[in-house]
PDB file of N, CA and C in Angstrom:
ATOM      1  N   MET A   1     -14.263  -7.683   0.177  1.00  0.00           N
ATOM      2  CA  MET A   1     -13.461  -8.451  -0.762  1.00  0.00           C
ATOM      3  C   MET A   1     -12.384  -9.196   0.033  1.00  0.00           C
ATOM      4  N   HIS A   2     -12.158 -10.421  -0.334  1.00  0.00           N
ATOM      5  CA  HIS A   2     -11.120 -11.233   0.302  1.00  0.00           C
ATOM      6  C   HIS A   2      -9.788 -11.022  -0.427  1.00  0.00           C
ATOM      7  N   PHE A   3      -8.717 -11.348   0.267  1.00  0.00           N
ATOM      8  CA  PHE A   3      -7.377 -11.143  -0.287  1.00  0.00           C
ATOM      9  C   PHE A   3      -7.197 -11.859  -1.623  1.00  0.00           C
ATOM     10  N   ASP A   4      -7.618 -13.122  -1.706  1.00  0.00           N
ATOM     11  CA  ASP A   4      -7.455 -13.863  -2.961  1.00  0.00           C
ATOM     12  C   ASP A   4      -8.251 -13.225  -4.098  1.00  0.00           C
ATOM     13  N   ASP A   5      -9.418 -12.686  -3.769  1.00  0.00           N
ATOM     14  CA  ASP A   5     -10.217 -11.990  -4.781  1.00  0.00           C
ATOM     15  C   ASP A   5      -9.495 -10.728  -5.254  1.00  0.00           C
ATOM     16  N   PHE A   6      -8.896 -10.004  -4.298  1.00  0.00           N
ATOM     17  CA  PHE A   6      -8.139  -8.798  -4.642  1.00  0.00           C
ATOM     18  C   PHE A   6      -6.963  -9.165  -5.541  1.00  0.00           C
ATOM     19  N   LYS A   7      -6.226 -10.206  -5.155  1.00  0.00           N
ATOM     20  CA  LYS A   7      -5.078 -10.629  -5.976  1.00  0.00           C
ATOM     21  C   LYS A   7      -5.514 -11.018  -7.381  1.00  0.00           C
ATOM     22  N   ALA A   8      -6.681 -11.607  -7.507  1.00  0.00           N
ATOM     23  CA  ALA A   8      -7.177 -12.020  -8.828  1.00  0.00           C
ATOM     24  C   ALA A   8      -7.428 -10.819  -9.729  1.00  0.00           C
ATOM     25  N   THR A   9      -7.652  -9.638  -9.144  1.00  0.00           N
ATOM     26  CA  THR A   9      -7.901  -8.445  -9.960  1.00  0.00           C
ATOM     27  C   THR A   9      -6.607  -7.842 -10.504  1.00  0.00           C
ATOM     28  N   LEU A  10      -5.465  -8.307 -10.023  1.00  0.00           N
ATOM     29  CA  LEU A  10      -4.194  -7.700 -10.417  1.00  0.00           C
ATOM     30  C   LEU A  10      -3.863  -7.882 -11.899  1.00  0.00           C
ATOM     31  N   SER A  11      -4.545  -8.801 -12.558  1.00  0.00           N
ATOM     32  CA  SER A  11      -4.300  -8.998 -13.994  1.00  0.00           C
ATOM     33  C   SER A  11      -5.164  -8.068 -14.858  1.00  0.00           C
ATOM     34  N   ALA A  12      -6.054  -7.319 -14.226  1.00  0.00           N
ATOM     35  CA  ALA A  12      -6.887  -6.365 -14.965  1.00  0.00           C
ATOM     36  C   ALA A  12      -6.039  -5.162 -15.387  1.00  0.00           C
ATOM     37  N   THR A  13      -6.611  -4.291 -16.184  1.00  0.00           N
ATOM     38  CA  THR A  13      -5.869  -3.117 -16.652  1.00  0.00           C
ATOM     39  C   THR A  13      -5.936  -1.955 -15.675  1.00  0.00           C
ATOM     40  N   ALA A  14      -6.854  -2.023 -14.714  1.00  0.00           N
ATOM     41  CA  ALA A  14      -6.995  -0.982 -13.702  1.00  0.00           C
ATOM     42  C   ALA A  14      -7.673  -1.592 -12.478  1.00  0.00           C
ATOM     43  N   PRO A  15      -7.523  -0.951 -11.331  1.00  0.00           N
ATOM     44  CA  PRO A  15      -8.191  -1.486 -10.138  1.00  0.00           C
ATOM     45  C   PRO A  15      -9.699  -1.317 -10.227  1.00  0.00           C
ATOM     46  N   ASP A  16     -10.400  -2.147  -9.484  1.00  0.00           N
ATOM     47  CA  ASP A  16     -11.857  -2.058  -9.400  1.00  0.00           C
ATOM     48  C   ASP A  16     -12.228  -0.678  -8.866  1.00  0.00           C
ATOM     49  N   ALA A  17     -13.101   0.013  -9.546  1.00  0.00           N
ATOM     50  CA  ALA A  17     -13.494   1.373  -9.157  1.00  0.00           C
ATOM     51  C   ALA A  17     -14.244   1.403  -7.830  1.00  0.00           C
ATOM     52  N   HIS A  18     -14.713   0.257  -7.373  1.00  0.00           N
ATOM     53  CA  HIS A  18     -15.490   0.200  -6.138  1.00  0.00           C
ATOM     54  C   HIS A  18     -14.622   0.057  -4.881  1.00  0.00           C
ATOM     55  N   ILE A  19     -13.332  -0.162  -5.034  1.00  0.00           N
ATOM     56  CA  ILE A  19     -12.486  -0.268  -3.849  1.00  0.00           C
ATOM     57  C   ILE A  19     -11.977   1.124  -3.470  1.00  0.00           C
ATOM     58  N   ASN A  20     -11.658   1.296  -2.192  1.00  0.00           N
ATOM     59  CA  ASN A  20     -11.219   2.622  -1.746  1.00  0.00           C
ATOM     60  C   ASN A  20      -9.856   2.980  -2.342  1.00  0.00           C
ATOM     61  N   GLU A  21      -9.518   4.249  -2.234  1.00  0.00           N
ATOM     62  CA  GLU A  21      -8.302   4.746  -2.882  1.00  0.00           C
ATOM     63  C   GLU A  21      -7.026   4.123  -2.326  1.00  0.00           C
ATOM     64  N   LEU A  22      -7.003   3.807  -1.051  1.00  0.00           N
ATOM     65  CA  LEU A  22      -5.788   3.191  -0.497  1.00  0.00           C
ATOM     66  C   LEU A  22      -5.581   1.793  -1.067  1.00  0.00           C
ATOM     67  N   LEU A  23      -6.660   1.045  -1.230  1.00  0.00           N
ATOM     68  CA  LEU A  23      -6.538  -0.270  -1.872  1.00  0.00           C
ATOM     69  C   LEU A  23      -6.167  -0.106  -3.349  1.00  0.00           C
ATOM     70  N   GLN A  24      -6.652   0.955  -3.974  1.00  0.00           N
ATOM     71  CA  GLN A  24      -6.239   1.219  -5.353  1.00  0.00           C
ATOM     72  C   GLN A  24      -4.735   1.499  -5.407  1.00  0.00           C
ATOM     73  N   ALA A  25      -4.222   2.228  -4.420  1.00  0.00           N
ATOM     74  CA  ALA A  25      -2.770   2.485  -4.374  1.00  0.00           C
ATOM     75  C   ALA A  25      -2.001   1.181  -4.243  1.00  0.00           C
ATOM     76  N   LEU A  26      -2.500   0.276  -3.427  1.00  0.00           N
ATOM     77  CA  LEU A  26      -1.834  -1.031  -3.284  1.00  0.00           C
ATOM     78  C   LEU A  26      -1.930  -1.827  -4.578  1.00  0.00           C
ATOM     79  N   TRP A  27      -3.043  -1.699  -5.281  1.00  0.00           N
ATOM     80  CA  TRP A  27      -3.201  -2.365  -6.570  1.00  0.00           C
ATOM     81  C   TRP A  27      -2.144  -1.844  -7.546  1.00  0.00           C
ATOM     82  N   TRP A  28      -1.981  -0.502  -7.617  1.00  0.00           N
ATOM     83  CA  TRP A  28      -0.983   0.074  -8.523  1.00  0.00           C
ATOM     84  C   TRP A  28       0.425  -0.332  -8.110  1.00  0.00           C
ATOM     85  N   THR A  29       0.672  -0.426  -6.813  1.00  0.00           N
ATOM     86  CA  THR A  29       1.981  -0.873  -6.327  1.00  0.00           C
ATOM     87  C   THR A  29       2.281  -2.274  -6.840  1.00  0.00           C
ATOM     88  N   ALA A  30       1.312  -3.159  -6.718  1.00  0.00           N
ATOM     89  CA  ALA A  30       1.499  -4.543  -7.176  1.00  0.00           C
ATOM     90  C   ALA A  30       1.693  -4.612  -8.684  1.00  0.00           C
ATOM     91  N   ASN A  31       1.209  -3.613  -9.397  1.00  0.00           N
ATOM     92  CA  ASN A  31       1.351  -3.573 -10.851  1.00  0.00           C
ATOM     93  C   ASN A  31       2.488  -2.662 -11.294  1.00  0.00           C
ATOM     94  N   ASP A  32       3.439  -2.459 -10.396  1.00  0.00           N
ATOM     95  CA  ASP A  32       4.680  -1.723 -10.695  1.00  0.00           C
ATOM     96  C   ASP A  32       4.451  -0.309 -11.198  1.00  0.00           C
ATOM     97  N   ASP A  33       3.406   0.349 -10.690  1.00  0.00           N
ATOM     98  CA  ASP A  33       3.190   1.754 -11.025  1.00  0.00           C
ATOM     99  C   ASP A  33       3.344   2.575  -9.742  1.00  0.00           C
ATOM    100  N   TRP A  34       4.604   2.720  -9.324  1.00  0.00           N
ATOM    101  CA  TRP A  34       4.959   3.411  -8.095  1.00  0.00           C
ATOM    102  C   TRP A  34       4.410   4.838  -8.101  1.00  0.00           C
ATOM    103  N   ASP A  35       4.557   5.544  -9.204  1.00  0.00           N
ATOM    104  CA  ASP A  35       4.116   6.936  -9.269  1.00  0.00           C
ATOM    105  C   ASP A  35       2.619   7.082  -9.030  1.00  0.00           C
ATOM    106  N   ARG A  36       1.842   6.227  -9.633  1.00  0.00           N
ATOM    107  CA  ARG A  36       0.387   6.310  -9.448  1.00  0.00           C
ATOM    108  C   ARG A  36       0.013   6.029  -8.000  1.00  0.00           C
ATOM    109  N   ALA A  37       0.640   5.010  -7.427  1.00  0.00           N
ATOM    110  CA  ALA A  37       0.376   4.687  -6.020  1.00  0.00           C
ATOM    111  C   ALA A  37       0.781   5.854  -5.125  1.00  0.00           C
ATOM    112  N   HIS A  38       1.941   6.411  -5.382  1.00  0.00           N
ATOM    113  CA  HIS A  38       2.443   7.529  -4.578  1.00  0.00           C
ATOM    114  C   HIS A  38       1.542   8.751  -4.706  1.00  0.00           C
ATOM    115  N   ASN A  39       1.060   9.027  -5.904  1.00  0.00           N
ATOM    116  CA  ASN A  39       0.165  10.168  -6.103  1.00  0.00           C
ATOM    117  C   ASN A  39      -1.119  10.035  -5.297  1.00  0.00           C
ATOM    118  N   ILE A  40      -1.559   8.829  -5.061  1.00  0.00           N
ATOM    119  CA  ILE A  40      -2.763   8.616  -4.243  1.00  0.00           C
ATOM    120  C   ILE A  40      -2.440   8.868  -2.772  1.00  0.00           C
ATOM    121  N   VAL A  41      -1.416   8.194  -2.252  1.00  0.00           N
ATOM    122  CA  VAL A  41      -1.180   8.265  -0.801  1.00  0.00           C
ATOM    123  C   VAL A  41      -0.643   9.606  -0.338  1.00  0.00           C
ATOM    124  N   LYS A  42       0.039  10.331  -1.195  1.00  0.00           N
ATOM    125  CA  LYS A  42       0.611  11.611  -0.750  1.00  0.00           C
ATOM    126  C   LYS A  42      -0.460  12.668  -0.499  1.00  0.00           C
ATOM    127  N   THR A  43      -1.684  12.413  -0.953  1.00  0.00           N
ATOM    128  CA  THR A  43      -2.771  13.357  -0.716  1.00  0.00           C
ATOM    129  C   THR A  43      -3.657  12.950   0.461  1.00  0.00           C
ATOM    130  N   LYS A  44      -3.351  11.833   1.097  1.00  0.00           N
ATOM    131  CA  LYS A  44      -4.189  11.306   2.178  1.00  0.00           C
ATOM    132  C   LYS A  44      -3.535  11.523   3.540  1.00  0.00           C
ATOM    133  N   SER A  45      -4.375  11.721   4.541  1.00  0.00           N
ATOM    134  CA  SER A  45      -3.888  11.951   5.903  1.00  0.00           C
ATOM    135  C   SER A  45      -4.515  10.935   6.849  1.00  0.00           C
ATOM    136  N   SER A  46      -3.938   9.754   6.873  1.00  0.00           N
ATOM    137  CA  SER A  46      -4.377   8.713   7.809  1.00  0.00           C
ATOM    138  C   SER A  46      -3.188   7.802   8.081  1.00  0.00           C
ATOM    139  N   ASN A  47      -3.247   7.098   9.177  1.00  0.00           N
ATOM    140  CA  ASN A  47      -2.154   6.174   9.490  1.00  0.00           C
ATOM    141  C   ASN A  47      -1.985   5.112   8.414  1.00  0.00           C
ATOM    142  N   ASP A  48      -3.086   4.658   7.826  1.00  0.00           N
ATOM    143  CA  ASP A  48      -2.999   3.657   6.761  1.00  0.00           C
ATOM    144  C   ASP A  48      -2.311   4.245   5.529  1.00  0.00           C
ATOM    145  N   ALA A  49      -2.647   5.469   5.173  1.00  0.00           N
ATOM    146  CA  ALA A  49      -1.995   6.116   4.027  1.00  0.00           C
ATOM    147  C   ALA A  49      -0.512   6.319   4.308  1.00  0.00           C
ATOM    148  N   TYR A  50      -0.188   6.723   5.532  1.00  0.00           N
ATOM    149  CA  TYR A  50       1.221   6.908   5.892  1.00  0.00           C
ATOM    150  C   TYR A  50       1.974   5.577   5.826  1.00  0.00           C
ATOM    151  N   TRP A  51       1.312   4.490   6.213  1.00  0.00           N
ATOM    152  CA  TRP A  51       1.934   3.169   6.168  1.00  0.00           C
ATOM    153  C   TRP A  51       2.254   2.794   4.722  1.00  0.00           C
ATOM    154  N   ILE A  52       1.302   3.004   3.831  1.00  0.00           N
ATOM    155  CA  ILE A  52       1.550   2.710   2.413  1.00  0.00           C
ATOM    156  C   ILE A  52       2.651   3.623   1.882  1.00  0.00           C
ATOM    157  N   HIS A  53       2.623   4.879   2.286  1.00  0.00           N
ATOM    158  CA  HIS A  53       3.645   5.838   1.865  1.00  0.00           C
ATOM    159  C   HIS A  53       5.027   5.349   2.312  1.00  0.00           C
ATOM    160  N   ALA A  54       5.118   4.893   3.547  1.00  0.00           N
ATOM    161  CA  ALA A  54       6.377   4.351   4.066  1.00  0.00           C
ATOM    162  C   ALA A  54       6.821   3.146   3.249  1.00  0.00           C
ATOM    163  N   HIS A  55       5.884   2.269   2.967  1.00  0.00           N
ATOM    164  CA  HIS A  55       6.171   1.061   2.187  1.00  0.00           C
ATOM    165  C   HIS A  55       6.713   1.430   0.797  1.00  0.00           C
ATOM    166  N   LEU A  56       6.095   2.405   0.173  1.00  0.00           N
ATOM    167  CA  LEU A  56       6.536   2.810  -1.165  1.00  0.00           C
ATOM    168  C   LEU A  56       7.973   3.324  -1.151  1.00  0.00           C
ATOM    169  N   HIS A  57       8.300   4.148  -0.167  1.00  0.00           N
ATOM    170  CA  HIS A  57       9.670   4.671  -0.099  1.00  0.00           C
ATOM    171  C   HIS A  57      10.657   3.574   0.288  1.00  0.00           C
ATOM    172  N   ARG A  58      10.218   2.633   1.096  1.00  0.00           N
ATOM    173  CA  ARG A  58      11.070   1.470   1.404  1.00  0.00           C
ATOM    174  C   ARG A  58      11.320   0.670   0.126  1.00  0.00           C
ATOM    175  N   GLN A  59      10.278   0.481  -0.644  1.00  0.00           N
ATOM    176  CA  GLN A  59      10.371  -0.282  -1.893  1.00  0.00           C
ATOM    177  C   GLN A  59      11.362   0.363  -2.861  1.00  0.00           C
ATOM    178  N   GLU A  60      11.389   1.696  -2.899  1.00  0.00           N
ATOM    179  CA  GLU A  60      12.302   2.378  -3.816  1.00  0.00           C
ATOM    180  C   GLU A  60      13.713   2.490  -3.243  1.00  0.00           C
ATOM    181  N   GLY A  61      13.890   2.108  -1.970  1.00  0.00           N
ATOM    182  CA  GLY A  61      15.212   2.147  -1.363  1.00  0.00           C
ATOM    183  C   GLY A  61      15.536   3.434  -0.630  1.00  0.00           C
ATOM    184  N   ASP A  62      14.570   4.326  -0.482  1.00  0.00           N
ATOM    185  CA  ASP A  62      14.761   5.586   0.237  1.00  0.00           C
ATOM    186  C   ASP A  62      14.395   5.348   1.707  1.00  0.00           C
ATOM    187  N   LEU A  63      15.321   4.725   2.440  1.00  0.00           N
ATOM    188  CA  LEU A  63      15.007   4.287   3.792  1.00  0.00           C
ATOM    189  C   LEU A  63      14.832   5.424   4.786  1.00  0.00           C
ATOM    190  N   SER A  64      15.547   6.530   4.605  1.00  0.00           N
ATOM    191  CA  SER A  64      15.365   7.637   5.548  1.00  0.00           C
ATOM    192  C   SER A  64      13.968   8.250   5.393  1.00  0.00           C
ATOM    193  N   HIS A  65      13.530   8.422   4.164  1.00  0.00           N
ATOM    194  CA  HIS A  65      12.178   8.924   3.919  1.00  0.00           C
ATOM    195  C   HIS A  65      11.147   7.909   4.402  1.00  0.00           C
ATOM    196  N   SER A  66      11.437   6.651   4.177  1.00  0.00           N
ATOM    197  CA  SER A  66      10.550   5.590   4.613  1.00  0.00           C
ATOM    198  C   SER A  66      10.379   5.600   6.131  1.00  0.00           C
ATOM    199  N   ARG A  67      11.503   5.738   6.858  1.00  0.00           N
ATOM    200  CA  ARG A  67      11.422   5.772   8.318  1.00  0.00           C
ATOM    201  C   ARG A  67      10.539   6.927   8.821  1.00  0.00           C
ATOM    202  N   TYR A  68      10.638   8.063   8.147  1.00  0.00           N
ATOM    203  CA  TYR A  68       9.788   9.200   8.495  1.00  0.00           C
ATOM    204  C   TYR A  68       8.311   8.811   8.412  1.00  0.00           C
ATOM    205  N   TRP A  69       7.931   8.163   7.313  1.00  0.00           N
ATOM    206  CA  TRP A  69       6.520   7.800   7.130  1.00  0.00           C
ATOM    207  C   TRP A  69       6.085   6.677   8.057  1.00  0.00           C
ATOM    208  N   TYR A  70       6.970   5.740   8.380  1.00  0.00           N
ATOM    209  CA  TYR A  70       6.628   4.726   9.387  1.00  0.00           C
ATOM    210  C   TYR A  70       6.342   5.409  10.711  1.00  0.00           C
ATOM    211  N   SER A  71       7.140   6.408  11.054  1.00  0.00           N
ATOM    212  CA  SER A  71       6.928   7.148  12.291  1.00  0.00           C
ATOM    213  C   SER A  71       5.560   7.831  12.281  1.00  0.00           C
ATOM    214  N   ARG A  72       5.217   8.464  11.166  1.00  0.00           N
ATOM    215  CA  ARG A  72       3.901   9.120  11.049  1.00  0.00           C
ATOM    216  C   ARG A  72       2.772   8.097  11.161  1.00  0.00           C
ATOM    217  N   ALA A  73       3.009   6.884  10.649  1.00  0.00           N
ATOM    218  CA  ALA A  73       1.999   5.821  10.692  1.00  0.00           C
ATOM    219  C   ALA A  73       1.949   5.128  12.046  1.00  0.00           C
ATOM    220  N   LYS A  74       2.884   5.493  12.939  1.00  0.00           N
ATOM    221  CA  LYS A  74       3.001   4.846  14.251  1.00  0.00           C
ATOM    222  C   LYS A  74       3.318   3.363  14.103  1.00  0.00           C
ATOM    223  N   ARG A  75       4.245   3.087  13.194  1.00  0.00           N
ATOM    224  CA  ARG A  75       4.682   1.714  12.914  1.00  0.00           C
ATOM    225  C   ARG A  75       6.197   1.680  12.836  1.00  0.00           C
ATOM    226  N   VAL A  76       6.721   0.474  12.918  1.00  0.00           N
ATOM    227  CA  VAL A  76       8.160   0.252  12.798  1.00  0.00           C
ATOM    228  C   VAL A  76       8.414  -0.416  11.455  1.00  0.00           C
ATOM    229  N   MET A  77       9.505  -0.028  10.808  1.00  0.00           N
ATOM    230  CA  MET A  77       9.851  -0.672   9.541  1.00  0.00           C
ATOM    231  C   MET A  77      10.035  -2.171   9.786  1.00  0.00           C
ATOM    232  N   PRO A  78       9.337  -3.005   9.036  1.00  0.00           N
ATOM    233  CA  PRO A  78       9.426  -4.444   9.274  1.00  0.00           C
ATOM    234  C   PRO A  78      10.738  -5.051   8.765  1.00  0.00           C
ATOM    235  N   ASP A  79      11.042  -6.222   9.287  1.00  0.00           N
ATOM    236  CA  ASP A  79      12.200  -6.990   8.819  1.00  0.00           C
ATOM    237  C   ASP A  79      11.836  -7.857   7.618  1.00  0.00           C
ATOM    238  N   SER A  80      10.557  -7.965   7.332  1.00  0.00           N
ATOM    239  CA  SER A  80      10.092  -8.823   6.241  1.00  0.00           C
ATOM    240  C   SER A  80      10.375  -8.179   4.887  1.00  0.00           C
ATOM    241  N   SER A  81      10.184  -8.950   3.842  1.00  0.00           N
ATOM    242  CA  SER A  81      10.372  -8.445   2.480  1.00  0.00           C
ATOM    243  C   SER A  81       9.284  -7.423   2.150  1.00  0.00           C
ATOM    244  N   CYS A  82       9.525  -6.633   1.135  1.00  0.00           N
ATOM    245  CA  CYS A  82       8.515  -5.674   0.681  1.00  0.00           C
ATOM    246  C   CYS A  82       7.252  -6.409   0.227  1.00  0.00           C
ATOM    247  N   GLY A  83       7.430  -7.559  -0.397  1.00  0.00           N
ATOM    248  CA  GLY A  83       6.271  -8.340  -0.831  1.00  0.00           C
ATOM    249  C   GLY A  83       5.425  -8.811   0.336  1.00  0.00           C
ATOM    250  N   ALA A  84       6.084  -9.259   1.392  1.00  0.00           N
ATOM    251  CA  ALA A  84       5.352  -9.706   2.585  1.00  0.00           C
ATOM    252  C   ALA A  84       4.657  -8.527   3.251  1.00  0.00           C
ATOM    253  N   GLU A  85       5.313  -7.380   3.260  1.00  0.00           N
ATOM    254  CA  GLU A  85       4.683  -6.204   3.853  1.00  0.00           C
ATOM    255  C   GLU A  85       3.487  -5.760   3.013  1.00  0.00           C
ATOM    256  N   TRP A  86       3.622  -5.767   1.692  1.00  0.00           N
ATOM    257  CA  TRP A  86       2.501  -5.411   0.819  1.00  0.00           C
ATOM    258  C   TRP A  86       1.297  -6.286   1.142  1.00  0.00           C
ATOM    259  N   GLU A  87       1.543  -7.587   1.299  1.00  0.00           N
ATOM    260  CA  GLU A  87       0.447  -8.504   1.622  1.00  0.00           C
ATOM    261  C   GLU A  87      -0.166  -8.169   2.974  1.00  0.00           C
ATOM    262  N   ALA A  88       0.657  -7.862   3.971  1.00  0.00           N
ATOM    263  CA  ALA A  88       0.151  -7.527   5.305  1.00  0.00           C
ATOM    264  C   ALA A  88      -0.707  -6.264   5.266  1.00  0.00           C
ATOM    265  N   ILE A  89      -0.239  -5.254   4.564  1.00  0.00           N
ATOM    266  CA  ILE A  89      -1.006  -4.006   4.455  1.00  0.00           C
ATOM    267  C   ILE A  89      -2.330  -4.280   3.749  1.00  0.00           C
ATOM    268  N   THR A  90      -2.261  -4.986   2.645  1.00  0.00           N
ATOM    269  CA  THR A  90      -3.454  -5.274   1.849  1.00  0.00           C
ATOM    270  C   THR A  90      -4.469  -6.061   2.666  1.00  0.00           C
ATOM    271  N   ARG A  91      -4.012  -7.096   3.354  1.00  0.00           N
ATOM    272  CA  ARG A  91      -4.928  -7.905   4.179  1.00  0.00           C
ATOM    273  C   ARG A  91      -5.582  -7.038   5.257  1.00  0.00           C
ATOM    274  N   GLU A  92      -4.788  -6.194   5.922  1.00  0.00           N
ATOM    275  CA  GLU A  92      -5.338  -5.361   6.987  1.00  0.00           C
ATOM    276  C   GLU A  92      -6.382  -4.389   6.454  1.00  0.00           C
ATOM    277  N   LEU A  93      -6.089  -3.750   5.331  1.00  0.00           N
ATOM    278  CA  LEU A  93      -7.065  -2.808   4.766  1.00  0.00           C
ATOM    279  C   LEU A  93      -8.320  -3.511   4.250  1.00  0.00           C
ATOM    280  N   LEU A  94      -8.152  -4.677   3.667  1.00  0.00           N
ATOM    281  CA  LEU A  94      -9.328  -5.438   3.225  1.00  0.00           C
ATOM    282  C   LEU A  94     -10.183  -5.859   4.415  1.00  0.00           C
ATOM    283  N   ASN A  95      -9.549  -6.238   5.519  1.00  0.00           N
ATOM    284  CA  ASN A  95     -10.302  -6.615   6.716  1.00  0.00           C
ATOM    285  C   ASN A  95     -11.096  -5.442   7.274  1.00  0.00           C
ATOM    286  N   LYS A  96     -10.543  -4.244   7.166  1.00  0.00           N
ATOM    287  CA  LYS A  96     -11.255  -3.055   7.636  1.00  0.00           C
ATOM    288  C   LYS A  96     -12.484  -2.765   6.780  1.00  0.00           C
ATOM    289  N   GLU A  97     -12.428  -3.173   5.518  1.00  0.00           N
ATOM    290  CA  GLU A  97     -13.532  -2.926   4.588  1.00  0.00           C
ATOM    291  C   GLU A  97     -14.696  -3.887   4.810  1.00  0.00           C
ATOM    292  N   SER A  98     -14.410  -5.073   5.345  1.00  0.00           N
ATOM    293  CA  SER A  98     -15.483  -6.070   5.453  1.00  0.00           C
ATOM    294  C   SER A  98     -16.272  -5.966   6.741  1.00  0.00           C
TER     295      SER A  98
END
């Protein structure tokens, strides 16, 4: 799936069941359902899940918790906006799927 195709699904009532759970978490994030996104990533053990976890805590303003998860993801907290980071994460995960 391409990024524009993924963005087009954001107006649906739920994410496409065929996308992986991390992309579903990003879908819920874009649809302002922080809890649902967090419930997905907190059960996963991968650098990508940790990156999304870090992003979620950054989005809520919990920067100390966010820094912890960036460290686990082997990433640095970006200077970009949360929206720009969401797009970067989404693009990277979609590229891994194709």
